[in-house]
Amino acid sequence: MTRRFEVLIGAEAERDIEEIYRYIAEHDGIVNAAHVLAGIEEACSSLAGLPLRGNVPRNCRNWGSRNIVRRISSHIG
């Protein structure tokens, strides 16, 4: 059985996502904004099964990506 991790979205990231949605809605329509938002949600959701995929933030690189997963998993039990 594959272990699932909890994916947390910080307040700053939430604001960024909302701004992206608003910008696209204003410049390219609500339907396209909803499509992009769904893609972002899908990408974030997929990290639950593959937490080492993607970018490691610069301020976390000195921990090492495996240590990040261990620290996150220790907080979620």
Protein backbone atom coordinates (compact mmCIF):
# COMPACT_ATOMS: atom_id res chain seq x y z
CA MET A 1 0.00 0.00 0.00
CA THR A 2 1.33 3.42 -0.97
CA ARG A 3 1.58 5.94 1.82
CA ARG A 4 -0.32 9.19 1.30
CA PHE A 5 0.92 12.49 2.64
CA GLU A 6 -1.05 15.56 3.59
CA VAL A 7 -0.44 18.50 1.26
CA LEU A 8 -0.65 21.85 2.99
CA ILE A 9 -1.18 25.10 1.09
CA GLY A 10 0.13 28.13 2.96
CA ALA A 11 -1.74 31.42 3.20
CA GLU A 12 0.65 33.15 0.79
CA ALA A 13 0.26 30.36 -1.77
CA GLU A 14 -3.54 30.55 -1.39
CA ARG A 15 -3.43 34.27 -2.11
CA ASP A 16 -1.21 33.66 -5.14
CA ILE A 17 -3.62 31.05 -6.49
CA GLU A 18 -6.58 33.40 -5.97
CA GLU A 19 -4.71 36.18 -7.80
CA ILE A 20 -3.92 33.83 -10.68
CA TYR A 21 -7.59 32.85 -10.88
CA ARG A 22 -8.77 36.47 -10.84
CA TYR A 23 -6.25 37.53 -13.47
CA ILE A 24 -7.20 34.73 -15.85
CA ALA A 25 -10.93 35.27 -15.24
CA GLU A 26 -10.56 38.97 -16.05
CA HIS A 27 -8.34 38.54 -19.11
CA ASP A 28 -9.38 35.16 -20.51
CA GLY A 29 -12.74 34.27 -18.97
CA ILE A 30 -14.12 32.41 -15.99
CA VAL A 31 -14.20 29.06 -17.79
CA ASN A 32 -10.47 29.22 -18.52
CA ALA A 33 -9.72 30.41 -14.99
CA ALA A 34 -11.67 27.45 -13.58
CA HIS A 35 -9.75 25.10 -15.88
CA VAL A 36 -6.40 26.44 -14.66
CA LEU A 37 -7.56 26.26 -11.03
CA ALA A 38 -8.58 22.62 -11.52
CA GLY A 39 -5.11 21.90 -12.92
CA ILE A 40 -3.43 23.54 -9.93
CA GLU A 41 -5.64 21.53 -7.55
CA GLU A 42 -4.82 18.31 -9.43
CA ALA A 43 -1.08 19.03 -9.27
CA CYS A 44 -1.25 19.77 -5.53
CA SER A 45 -3.33 16.65 -4.91
CA SER A 46 -0.87 14.46 -6.79
CA LEU A 47 1.88 15.50 -4.36
CA ALA A 48 0.12 13.44 -1.68
CA GLY A 49 1.34 10.28 -3.41
CA LEU A 50 4.59 11.62 -4.83
CA PRO A 51 5.93 14.19 -2.34
CA LEU A 52 9.48 14.17 -3.74
CA ARG A 53 8.28 15.26 -7.18
CA GLY A 54 8.66 18.87 -8.18
CA ASN A 55 10.52 21.82 -6.75
CA VAL A 56 12.06 22.00 -3.30
CA PRO A 57 11.91 25.62 -2.06
CA ARG A 58 15.33 27.26 -1.74
CA ASN A 59 14.96 27.78 2.02
CA CYS A 60 14.31 24.02 2.46
CA ARG A 61 17.12 22.69 0.24
CA ASN A 62 19.61 22.44 3.10
CA TRP A 63 17.28 19.92 4.79
CA GLY A 64 17.46 17.57 1.83
CA SER A 65 14.25 16.44 0.14
CA ARG A 66 14.03 13.15 2.05
CA ASN A 67 14.29 15.03 5.35
CA ILE A 68 11.45 17.32 4.25
CA VAL A 69 9.21 14.31 3.76
CA ARG A 70 10.24 12.90 7.15
CA ARG A 71 9.53 16.24 8.87
CA ILE A 72 6.16 16.58 7.16
CA SER A 73 5.16 13.00 7.89
CA SER A 74 6.15 13.34 11.54
CA HIS A 75 3.71 16.24 11.87
CA ILE A 76 0.82 14.29 10.37
CA GLY A 77 1.34 11.09 12.30
